[in-house]
């Protein structure tokens, strides 16, 4: 089994083995990892902390891509629309 796909991204097997996708710019970061059978997406920006859990890697990657870290603030409108679409109740924002 491969830990990375042809695009160089981690596979479900890679995450199951403990690999983490983490992007950082200064103090701002976003990360995707698997723990306890679920995928976690965590991030921070301007003292806002974000943490969401997903059952599938596909959902986790889609949410991970919504988070910008290169000088742009969270697009909370897009994230909130995504939450409404999935009926999320466990997104954690801390300011």
PDB file of N, CA and C in Angstrom:
ATOM      1  N   UNK A   1       0.848  -1.180   0.000  1.00  0.00           N
ATOM      2  CA  UNK A   1       0.000   0.000   0.000  1.00  0.00           C
ATOM      3  C   UNK A   1       0.893   1.244   0.000  1.00  0.00           C
ATOM      4  N   UNK A   2       0.416   2.255  -0.675  1.00  0.00           N
ATOM      5  CA  UNK A   2       1.179   3.490  -0.818  1.00  0.00           C
ATOM      6  C   UNK A   2       0.714   4.552   0.186  1.00  0.00           C
ATOM      7  N   UNK A   3       1.679   5.299   0.696  1.00  0.00           N
ATOM      8  CA  UNK A   3       1.342   6.384   1.618  1.00  0.00           C
ATOM      9  C   UNK A   3       1.028   7.679   0.874  1.00  0.00           C
ATOM     10  N   UNK A   4       1.460   7.792  -0.392  1.00  0.00           N
ATOM     11  CA  UNK A   4       1.209   8.993  -1.196  1.00  0.00           C
ATOM     12  C   UNK A   4       0.646   8.585  -2.557  1.00  0.00           C
ATOM     13  N   UNK A   5      -0.218   9.438  -3.115  1.00  0.00           N
ATOM     14  CA  UNK A   5      -0.743   9.164  -4.449  1.00  0.00           C
ATOM     15  C   UNK A   5       0.161   9.794  -5.504  1.00  0.00           C
ATOM     16  N   UNK A   6      -0.254   9.728  -6.774  1.00  0.00           N
ATOM     17  CA  UNK A   6       0.567  10.252  -7.868  1.00  0.00           C
ATOM     18  C   UNK A   6       0.744  11.770  -7.803  1.00  0.00           C
ATOM     19  N   UNK A   7      -0.192  12.462  -7.151  1.00  0.00           N
ATOM     20  CA  UNK A   7      -0.089  13.919  -6.994  1.00  0.00           C
ATOM     21  C   UNK A   7       0.815  14.304  -5.834  1.00  0.00           C
ATOM     22  N   UNK A   8       1.282  13.308  -5.075  1.00  0.00           N
ATOM     23  CA  UNK A   8       2.126  13.582  -3.920  1.00  0.00           C
ATOM     24  C   UNK A   8       1.353  13.815  -2.630  1.00  0.00           C
ATOM     25  N   UNK A   9       0.037  13.652  -2.692  1.00  0.00           N
ATOM     26  CA  UNK A   9      -0.792  13.841  -1.511  1.00  0.00           C
ATOM     27  C   UNK A   9      -0.849  12.551  -0.704  1.00  0.00           C
ATOM     28  N   UNK A  10      -1.079  12.698   0.586  1.00  0.00           N
ATOM     29  CA  UNK A  10      -1.205  11.522   1.430  1.00  0.00           C
ATOM     30  C   UNK A  10      -2.471  10.745   1.097  1.00  0.00           C
ATOM     31  N   UNK A  11      -2.376   9.435   1.180  1.00  0.00           N
ATOM     32  CA  UNK A  11      -3.527   8.562   0.983  1.00  0.00           C
ATOM     33  C   UNK A  11      -4.152   8.246   2.338  1.00  0.00           C
ATOM     34  N   UNK A  12      -5.295   7.582   2.304  1.00  0.00           N
ATOM     35  CA  UNK A  12      -5.938   7.154   3.552  1.00  0.00           C
ATOM     36  C   UNK A  12      -4.988   6.267   4.343  1.00  0.00           C
ATOM     37  N   UNK A  13      -4.241   5.427   3.639  1.00  0.00           N
ATOM     38  CA  UNK A  13      -3.267   4.564   4.307  1.00  0.00           C
ATOM     39  C   UNK A  13      -2.166   5.396   4.976  1.00  0.00           C
ATOM     40  N   UNK A  14      -1.715   6.442   4.294  1.00  0.00           N
ATOM     41  CA  UNK A  14      -0.691   7.323   4.860  1.00  0.00           C
ATOM     42  C   UNK A  14      -1.159   7.976   6.155  1.00  0.00           C
ATOM     43  N   UNK A  15      -2.407   8.454   6.142  1.00  0.00           N
ATOM     44  CA  UNK A  15      -2.956   9.054   7.366  1.00  0.00           C
ATOM     45  C   UNK A  15      -3.111   8.011   8.466  1.00  0.00           C
ATOM     46  N   UNK A  16      -3.514   6.796   8.080  1.00  0.00           N
ATOM     47  CA  UNK A  16      -3.660   5.716   9.067  1.00  0.00           C
ATOM     48  C   UNK A  16      -2.315   5.354   9.692  1.00  0.00           C
ATOM     49  N   UNK A  17      -1.241   5.573   8.947  1.00  0.00           N
ATOM     50  CA  UNK A  17       0.112   5.294   9.451  1.00  0.00           C
ATOM     51  C   UNK A  17       0.649   6.433  10.324  1.00  0.00           C
ATOM     52  N   UNK A  18      -0.111   7.517  10.446  1.00  0.00           N
ATOM     53  CA  UNK A  18       0.307   8.609  11.324  1.00  0.00           C
ATOM     54  C   UNK A  18       0.879   9.823  10.623  1.00  0.00           C
ATOM     55  N   UNK A  19       0.901   9.819   9.290  1.00  0.00           N
ATOM     56  CA  UNK A  19       1.381  11.000   8.579  1.00  0.00           C
ATOM     57  C   UNK A  19       0.401  12.152   8.755  1.00  0.00           C
ATOM     58  N   UNK A  20       0.910  13.383   8.666  1.00  0.00           N
ATOM     59  CA  UNK A  20       0.102  14.593   8.835  1.00  0.00           C
ATOM     60  C   UNK A  20       0.380  15.538   7.669  1.00  0.00           C
ATOM     61  N   UNK A  21      -0.666  16.163   7.154  1.00  0.00           N
ATOM     62  CA  UNK A  21      -0.497  17.254   6.195  1.00  0.00           C
ATOM     63  C   UNK A  21      -0.593  18.537   6.996  1.00  0.00           C
ATOM     64  N   UNK A  22       0.483  19.328   6.992  1.00  0.00           N
ATOM     65  CA  UNK A  22       0.482  20.582   7.745  1.00  0.00           C
ATOM     66  C   UNK A  22       1.117  21.671   6.897  1.00  0.00           C
ATOM     67  N   UNK A  23       0.404  22.767   6.753  1.00  0.00           N
ATOM     68  CA  UNK A  23       0.909  23.930   6.039  1.00  0.00           C
ATOM     69  C   UNK A  23       0.960  25.076   7.028  1.00  0.00           C
ATOM     70  N   UNK A  24       2.053  25.813   7.006  1.00  0.00           N
ATOM     71  CA  UNK A  24       2.244  26.902   7.968  1.00  0.00           C
ATOM     72  C   UNK A  24       2.846  28.106   7.257  1.00  0.00           C
ATOM     73  N   UNK A  25       2.363  29.278   7.663  1.00  0.00           N
ATOM     74  CA  UNK A  25       2.962  30.535   7.232  1.00  0.00           C
ATOM     75  C   UNK A  25       2.996  31.434   8.450  1.00  0.00           C
ATOM     76  N   UNK A  26       4.173  31.604   9.012  1.00  0.00           N
ATOM     77  CA  UNK A  26       4.299  32.355  10.262  1.00  0.00           C
ATOM     78  C   UNK A  26       3.576  31.623  11.370  1.00  0.00           C
ATOM     79  N   UNK A  27       2.679  32.319  12.047  1.00  0.00           N
ATOM     80  CA  UNK A  27       1.907  31.713  13.137  1.00  0.00           C
ATOM     81  C   UNK A  27       0.626  31.034  12.648  1.00  0.00           C
ATOM     82  N   UNK A  28       0.297  31.235  11.381  1.00  0.00           N
ATOM     83  CA  UNK A  28      -0.939  30.683  10.820  1.00  0.00           C
ATOM     84  C   UNK A  28      -0.652  29.294  10.267  1.00  0.00           C
ATOM     85  N   UNK A  29      -1.538  28.348  10.552  1.00  0.00           N
ATOM     86  CA  UNK A  29      -1.332  26.987  10.063  1.00  0.00           C
ATOM     87  C   UNK A  29      -2.665  26.316   9.767  1.00  0.00           C
ATOM     88  N   UNK A  30      -2.598  25.239   9.012  1.00  0.00           N
ATOM     89  CA  UNK A  30      -3.720  24.321   8.871  1.00  0.00           C
ATOM     90  C   UNK A  30      -3.136  22.925   8.789  1.00  0.00           C
ATOM     91  N   UNK A  31      -3.841  21.961   9.371  1.00  0.00           N
ATOM     92  CA  UNK A  31      -3.341  20.590   9.372  1.00  0.00           C
ATOM     93  C   UNK A  31      -4.489  19.609   9.222  1.00  0.00           C
ATOM     94  N   UNK A  32      -4.152  18.467   8.624  1.00  0.00           N
ATOM     95  CA  UNK A  32      -5.097  17.377   8.420  1.00  0.00           C
ATOM     96  C   UNK A  32      -4.418  16.106   8.890  1.00  0.00           C
ATOM     97  N   UNK A  33      -5.085  15.366   9.769  1.00  0.00           N
ATOM     98  CA  UNK A  33      -4.520  14.122  10.276  1.00  0.00           C
ATOM     99  C   UNK A  33      -5.643  13.175  10.673  1.00  0.00           C
ATOM    100  N   UNK A  34      -5.288  11.926  10.928  1.00  0.00           N
ATOM    101  CA  UNK A  34      -6.271  10.932  11.343  1.00  0.00           C
ATOM    102  C   UNK A  34      -5.928  10.456  12.744  1.00  0.00           C
ATOM    103  N   UNK A  35      -6.970  10.399  13.582  1.00  0.00           N
ATOM    104  CA  UNK A  35      -6.780   9.929  14.956  1.00  0.00           C
ATOM    105  C   UNK A  35      -8.115   9.370  15.437  1.00  0.00           C
ATOM    106  N   UNK A  36      -8.070   8.234  16.060  1.00  0.00           N
ATOM    107  CA  UNK A  36      -9.284   7.648  16.603  1.00  0.00           C
ATOM    108  C   UNK A  36     -10.310   7.278  15.544  1.00  0.00           C
ATOM    109  N   UNK A  37      -9.853   6.957  14.351  1.00  0.00           N
ATOM    110  CA  UNK A  37     -10.761   6.543  13.288  1.00  0.00           C
ATOM    111  C   UNK A  37     -11.446   7.666  12.538  1.00  0.00           C
ATOM    112  N   UNK A  38     -11.142   8.928  12.878  1.00  0.00           N
ATOM    113  CA  UNK A  38     -11.719  10.066  12.164  1.00  0.00           C
ATOM    114  C   UNK A  38     -10.611  11.006  11.699  1.00  0.00           C
ATOM    115  N   UNK A  39     -10.931  11.792  10.690  1.00  0.00           N
ATOM    116  CA  UNK A  39      -9.979  12.772  10.156  1.00  0.00           C
ATOM    117  C   UNK A  39     -10.234  14.113  10.826  1.00  0.00           C
ATOM    118  N   UNK A  40      -9.163  14.759  11.253  1.00  0.00           N
ATOM    119  CA  UNK A  40      -9.242  16.048  11.933  1.00  0.00           C
ATOM    120  C   UNK A  40      -8.637  17.119  11.035  1.00  0.00           C
ATOM    121  N   UNK A  41      -9.328  18.253  10.946  1.00  0.00           N
ATOM    122  CA  UNK A  41      -8.802  19.439  10.274  1.00  0.00           C
ATOM    123  C   UNK A  41      -8.754  20.527  11.333  1.00  0.00           C
ATOM    124  N   UNK A  42      -7.560  21.058  11.554  1.00  0.00           N
ATOM    125  CA  UNK A  42      -7.386  22.137  12.542  1.00  0.00           C
ATOM    126  C   UNK A  42      -6.662  23.293  11.879  1.00  0.00           C
ATOM    127  N   UNK A  43      -6.968  24.495  12.363  1.00  0.00           N
ATOM    128  CA  UNK A  43      -6.312  25.677  11.825  1.00  0.00           C
ATOM    129  C   UNK A  43      -6.464  26.834  12.802  1.00  0.00           C
ATOM    130  N   UNK A  44      -5.744  27.902  12.512  1.00  0.00           N
ATOM    131  CA  UNK A  44      -5.883  29.138  13.284  1.00  0.00           C
ATOM    132  C   UNK A  44      -5.606  30.318  12.373  1.00  0.00           C
ATOM    133  N   UNK A  45      -6.198  31.459  12.696  1.00  0.00           N
ATOM    134  CA  UNK A  45      -5.921  32.704  11.996  1.00  0.00           C
ATOM    135  C   UNK A  45      -6.423  33.837  12.865  1.00  0.00           C
ATOM    136  N   UNK A  46      -5.576  34.773  13.163  1.00  0.00           N
ATOM    137  CA  UNK A  46      -5.963  35.963  13.917  1.00  0.00           C
ATOM    138  C   UNK A  46      -6.749  35.597  15.181  1.00  0.00           C
ATOM    139  N   UNK A  47      -6.187  34.684  15.951  1.00  0.00           N
ATOM    140  CA  UNK A  47      -6.770  34.221  17.211  1.00  0.00           C
ATOM    141  C   UNK A  47      -8.088  33.451  17.060  1.00  0.00           C
ATOM    142  N   UNK A  48      -8.452  33.073  15.833  1.00  0.00           N
ATOM    143  CA  UNK A  48      -9.598  32.188  15.629  1.00  0.00           C
ATOM    144  C   UNK A  48      -9.036  30.789  15.438  1.00  0.00           C
ATOM    145  N   UNK A  49      -9.493  29.863  16.244  1.00  0.00           N
ATOM    146  CA  UNK A  49      -9.066  28.483  16.113  1.00  0.00           C
ATOM    147  C   UNK A  49     -10.225  27.678  15.548  1.00  0.00           C
ATOM    148  N   UNK A  50      -9.909  26.785  14.637  1.00  0.00           N
ATOM    149  CA  UNK A  50     -10.914  25.998  13.951  1.00  0.00           C
ATOM    150  C   UNK A  50     -10.545  24.530  14.071  1.00  0.00           C
ATOM    151  N   UNK A  51     -11.518  23.694  14.405  1.00  0.00           N
ATOM    152  CA  UNK A  51     -11.267  22.267  14.519  1.00  0.00           C
ATOM    153  C   UNK A  51     -12.524  21.534  14.088  1.00  0.00           C
ATOM    154  N   UNK A  52     -12.391  20.663  13.117  1.00  0.00           N
ATOM    155  CA  UNK A  52     -13.530  19.911  12.599  1.00  0.00           C
ATOM    156  C   UNK A  52     -13.120  18.462  12.389  1.00  0.00           C
ATOM    157  N   UNK A  53     -14.052  17.551  12.598  1.00  0.00           N
ATOM    158  CA  UNK A  53     -13.801  16.118  12.425  1.00  0.00           C
ATOM    159  C   UNK A  53     -14.686  15.567  11.320  1.00  0.00           C
ATOM    160  N   UNK A  54     -14.133  14.610  10.564  1.00  0.00           N
ATOM    161  CA  UNK A  54     -14.838  14.021   9.424  1.00  0.00           C
ATOM    162  C   UNK A  54     -14.666  12.509   9.432  1.00  0.00           C
ATOM    163  N   UNK A  55     -15.682  11.829   8.936  1.00  0.00           N
ATOM    164  CA  UNK A  55     -15.618  10.375   8.826  1.00  0.00           C
ATOM    165  C   UNK A  55     -14.833   9.922   7.598  1.00  0.00           C
ATOM    166  N   UNK A  56     -14.834  10.744   6.544  1.00  0.00           N
ATOM    167  CA  UNK A  56     -14.148  10.341   5.311  1.00  0.00           C
ATOM    168  C   UNK A  56     -13.036  11.317   4.949  1.00  0.00           C
ATOM    169  N   UNK A  57     -12.040  10.788   4.280  1.00  0.00           N
ATOM    170  CA  UNK A  57     -10.921  11.615   3.822  1.00  0.00           C
ATOM    171  C   UNK A  57     -11.391  12.609   2.767  1.00  0.00           C
ATOM    172  N   UNK A  58     -12.322  12.213   1.927  1.00  0.00           N
ATOM    173  CA  UNK A  58     -12.829  13.101   0.887  1.00  0.00           C
ATOM    174  C   UNK A  58     -13.449  14.359   1.498  1.00  0.00           C
ATOM    175  N   UNK A  59     -14.269  14.203   2.528  1.00  0.00           N
ATOM    176  CA  UNK A  59     -14.872  15.351   3.202  1.00  0.00           C
ATOM    177  C   UNK A  59     -13.816  16.213   3.889  1.00  0.00           C
ATOM    178  N   UNK A  60     -12.862  15.567   4.538  1.00  0.00           N
ATOM    179  CA  UNK A  60     -11.808  16.297   5.245  1.00  0.00           C
ATOM    180  C   UNK A  60     -10.975  17.124   4.270  1.00  0.00           C
ATOM    181  N   UNK A  61     -10.624  16.535   3.124  1.00  0.00           N
ATOM    182  CA  UNK A  61      -9.835  17.270   2.132  1.00  0.00           C
ATOM    183  C   UNK A  61     -10.605  18.454   1.564  1.00  0.00           C
ATOM    184  N   UNK A  62     -11.893  18.292   1.330  1.00  0.00           N
ATOM    185  CA  UNK A  62     -12.712  19.388   0.797  1.00  0.00           C
ATOM    186  C   UNK A  62     -12.735  20.555   1.782  1.00  0.00           C
ATOM    187  N   UNK A  63     -12.897  20.259   3.055  1.00  0.00           N
ATOM    188  CA  UNK A  63     -12.909  21.302   4.076  1.00  0.00           C
ATOM    189  C   UNK A  63     -11.525  21.932   4.227  1.00  0.00           C
ATOM    190  N   UNK A  64     -10.483  21.111   4.202  1.00  0.00           N
ATOM    191  CA  UNK A  64      -9.098  21.568   4.309  1.00  0.00           C
ATOM    192  C   UNK A  64      -8.795  22.602   3.222  1.00  0.00           C
ATOM    193  N   UNK A  65      -9.296  22.363   2.018  1.00  0.00           N
ATOM    194  CA  UNK A  65      -9.041  23.269   0.895  1.00  0.00           C
ATOM    195  C   UNK A  65      -9.743  24.614   1.053  1.00  0.00           C
ATOM    196  N   UNK A  66     -10.816  24.670   1.847  1.00  0.00           N
ATOM    197  CA  UNK A  66     -11.518  25.937   2.077  1.00  0.00           C
ATOM    198  C   UNK A  66     -10.706  26.902   2.930  1.00  0.00           C
ATOM    199  N   UNK A  67      -9.777  26.389   3.685  1.00  0.00           N
ATOM    200  CA  UNK A  67      -9.026  27.206   4.629  1.00  0.00           C
ATOM    201  C   UNK A  67      -7.804  27.802   3.932  1.00  0.00           C
ATOM    202  N   UNK A  68      -7.705  29.108   3.944  1.00  0.00           N
ATOM    203  CA  UNK A  68      -6.568  29.812   3.328  1.00  0.00           C
ATOM    204  C   UNK A  68      -5.619  30.255   4.426  1.00  0.00           C
ATOM    205  N   UNK A  69      -4.325  30.105   4.184  1.00  0.00           N
ATOM    206  CA  UNK A  69      -3.356  30.536   5.198  1.00  0.00           C
ATOM    207  C   UNK A  69      -2.366  31.564   4.665  1.00  0.00           C
ATOM    208  N   UNK A  70      -2.457  31.903   3.398  1.00  0.00           N
ATOM    209  CA  UNK A  70      -1.466  32.790   2.806  1.00  0.00           C
ATOM    210  C   UNK A  70      -1.879  34.253   2.883  1.00  0.00           C
ATOM    211  N   UNK A  71      -2.101  34.729   4.106  1.00  0.00           N
ATOM    212  CA  UNK A  71      -2.411  36.132   4.304  1.00  0.00           C
ATOM    213  C   UNK A  71      -3.891  36.454   4.205  1.00  0.00           C
ATOM    214  N   UNK A  72      -4.706  35.478   3.787  1.00  0.00           N
ATOM    215  CA  UNK A  72      -6.138  35.714   3.691  1.00  0.00           C
ATOM    216  C   UNK A  72      -6.810  35.213   4.957  1.00  0.00           C
ATOM    217  N   UNK A  73      -7.787  35.944   5.461  1.00  0.00           N
ATOM    218  CA  UNK A  73      -8.513  35.436   6.629  1.00  0.00           C
ATOM    219  C   UNK A  73      -9.381  34.256   6.227  1.00  0.00           C
ATOM    220  N   UNK A  74      -9.866  33.514   7.217  1.00  0.00           N
ATOM    221  CA  UNK A  74     -10.811  32.450   6.926  1.00  0.00           C
ATOM    222  C   UNK A  74     -11.961  33.042   6.131  1.00  0.00           C
ATOM    223  N   UNK A  75     -12.432  32.345   5.136  1.00  0.00           N
ATOM    224  CA  UNK A  75     -13.651  32.740   4.448  1.00  0.00           C
ATOM    225  C   UNK A  75     -14.795  32.088   5.218  1.00  0.00           C
ATOM    226  N   UNK A  76     -15.202  32.742   6.294  1.00  0.00           N
ATOM    227  CA  UNK A  76     -16.202  32.150   7.182  1.00  0.00           C
ATOM    228  C   UNK A  76     -17.539  31.957   6.485  1.00  0.00           C
ATOM    229  N   UNK A  77     -17.822  32.758   5.454  1.00  0.00           N
ATOM    230  CA  UNK A  77     -19.072  32.579   4.720  1.00  0.00           C
ATOM    231  C   UNK A  77     -19.056  31.227   4.001  1.00  0.00           C
ATOM    232  N   UNK A  78     -17.961  30.931   3.289  1.00  0.00           N
ATOM    233  CA  UNK A  78     -17.865  29.634   2.608  1.00  0.00           C
ATOM    234  C   UNK A  78     -17.876  28.494   3.612  1.00  0.00           C
ATOM    235  N   UNK A  79     -17.146  28.643   4.692  1.00  0.00           N
ATOM    236  CA  UNK A  79     -17.095  27.588   5.703  1.00  0.00           C
ATOM    237  C   UNK A  79     -18.475  27.390   6.319  1.00  0.00           C
ATOM    238  N   UNK A  80     -19.185  28.483   6.618  1.00  0.00           N
ATOM    239  CA  UNK A  80     -20.521  28.358   7.194  1.00  0.00           C
ATOM    240  C   UNK A  80     -21.501  27.718   6.221  1.00  0.00           C
ATOM    241  N   UNK A  81     -21.395  28.042   4.922  1.00  0.00           N
ATOM    242  CA  UNK A  81     -22.256  27.393   3.924  1.00  0.00           C
ATOM    243  C   UNK A  81     -21.963  25.898   3.878  1.00  0.00           C
ATOM    244  N   UNK A  82     -20.692  25.542   3.970  1.00  0.00           N
ATOM    245  CA  UNK A  82     -20.301  24.138   3.977  1.00  0.00           C
ATOM    246  C   UNK A  82     -20.870  23.441   5.204  1.00  0.00           C
ATOM    247  N   UNK A  83     -20.826  24.110   6.342  1.00  0.00           N
ATOM    248  CA  UNK A  83     -21.366  23.547   7.580  1.00  0.00           C
ATOM    249  C   UNK A  83     -22.866  23.314   7.450  1.00  0.00           C
ATOM    250  N   UNK A  84     -23.586  24.298   6.884  1.00  0.00           N
ATOM    251  CA  UNK A  84     -25.026  24.158   6.732  1.00  0.00           C
ATOM    252  C   UNK A  84     -25.371  23.002   5.800  1.00  0.00           C
ATOM    253  N   UNK A  85     -24.582  22.856   4.750  1.00  0.00           N
ATOM    254  CA  UNK A  85     -24.807  21.780   3.796  1.00  0.00           C
ATOM    255  C   UNK A  85     -24.658  20.413   4.469  1.00  0.00           C
ATOM    256  N   UNK A  86     -23.709  20.297   5.377  1.00  0.00           N
ATOM    257  CA  UNK A  86     -23.457  19.028   6.065  1.00  0.00           C
ATOM    258  C   UNK A  86     -24.186  18.932   7.396  1.00  0.00           C
ATOM    259  N   UNK A  87     -24.886  20.001   7.805  1.00  0.00           N
ATOM    260  CA  UNK A  87     -25.538  20.047   9.119  1.00  0.00           C
ATOM    261  C   UNK A  87     -24.527  19.812  10.231  1.00  0.00           C
ATOM    262  N   UNK A  88     -23.402  20.479  10.142  1.00  0.00           N
ATOM    263  CA  UNK A  88     -22.350  20.303  11.141  1.00  0.00           C
ATOM    264  C   UNK A  88     -22.756  20.956  12.452  1.00  0.00           C
ATOM    265  N   UNK A  89     -22.433  20.301  13.512  1.00  0.00           N
ATOM    266  CA  UNK A  89     -22.683  20.872  14.835  1.00  0.00           C
ATOM    267  C   UNK A  89     -21.429  20.898  15.667  1.00  0.00           C
ATOM    268  N   UNK A  90     -20.352  20.311  15.153  1.00  0.00           N
ATOM    269  CA  UNK A  90     -19.161  20.175  15.996  1.00  0.00           C
ATOM    270  C   UNK A  90     -17.991  21.024  15.517  1.00  0.00           C
ATOM    271  N   UNK A  91     -18.236  22.074  14.720  1.00  0.00           N
ATOM    272  CA  UNK A  91     -17.157  22.975  14.367  1.00  0.00           C
ATOM    273  C   UNK A  91     -16.893  23.866  15.565  1.00  0.00           C
ATOM    274  N   UNK A  92     -15.634  24.002  15.921  1.00  0.00           N
ATOM    275  CA  UNK A  92     -15.271  24.779  17.098  1.00  0.00           C
ATOM    276  C   UNK A  92     -14.527  26.033  16.662  1.00  0.00           C
ATOM    277  N   UNK A  93     -15.073  27.201  16.996  1.00  0.00           N
ATOM    278  CA  UNK A  93     -14.385  28.470  16.781  1.00  0.00           C
ATOM    279  C   UNK A  93     -14.053  29.044  18.142  1.00  0.00           C
ATOM    280  N   UNK A  94     -12.842  29.497  18.310  1.00  0.00           N
ATOM    281  CA  UNK A  94     -12.455  30.133  19.563  1.00  0.00           C
ATOM    282  C   UNK A  94     -11.774  31.435  19.223  1.00  0.00           C
ATOM    283  N   UNK A  95     -12.239  32.530  19.776  1.00  0.00           N
ATOM    284  CA  UNK A  95     -11.610  33.817  19.505  1.00  0.00           C
ATOM    285  C   UNK A  95     -11.075  34.371  20.785  1.00  0.00           C
TER     286      UNK A  95
END
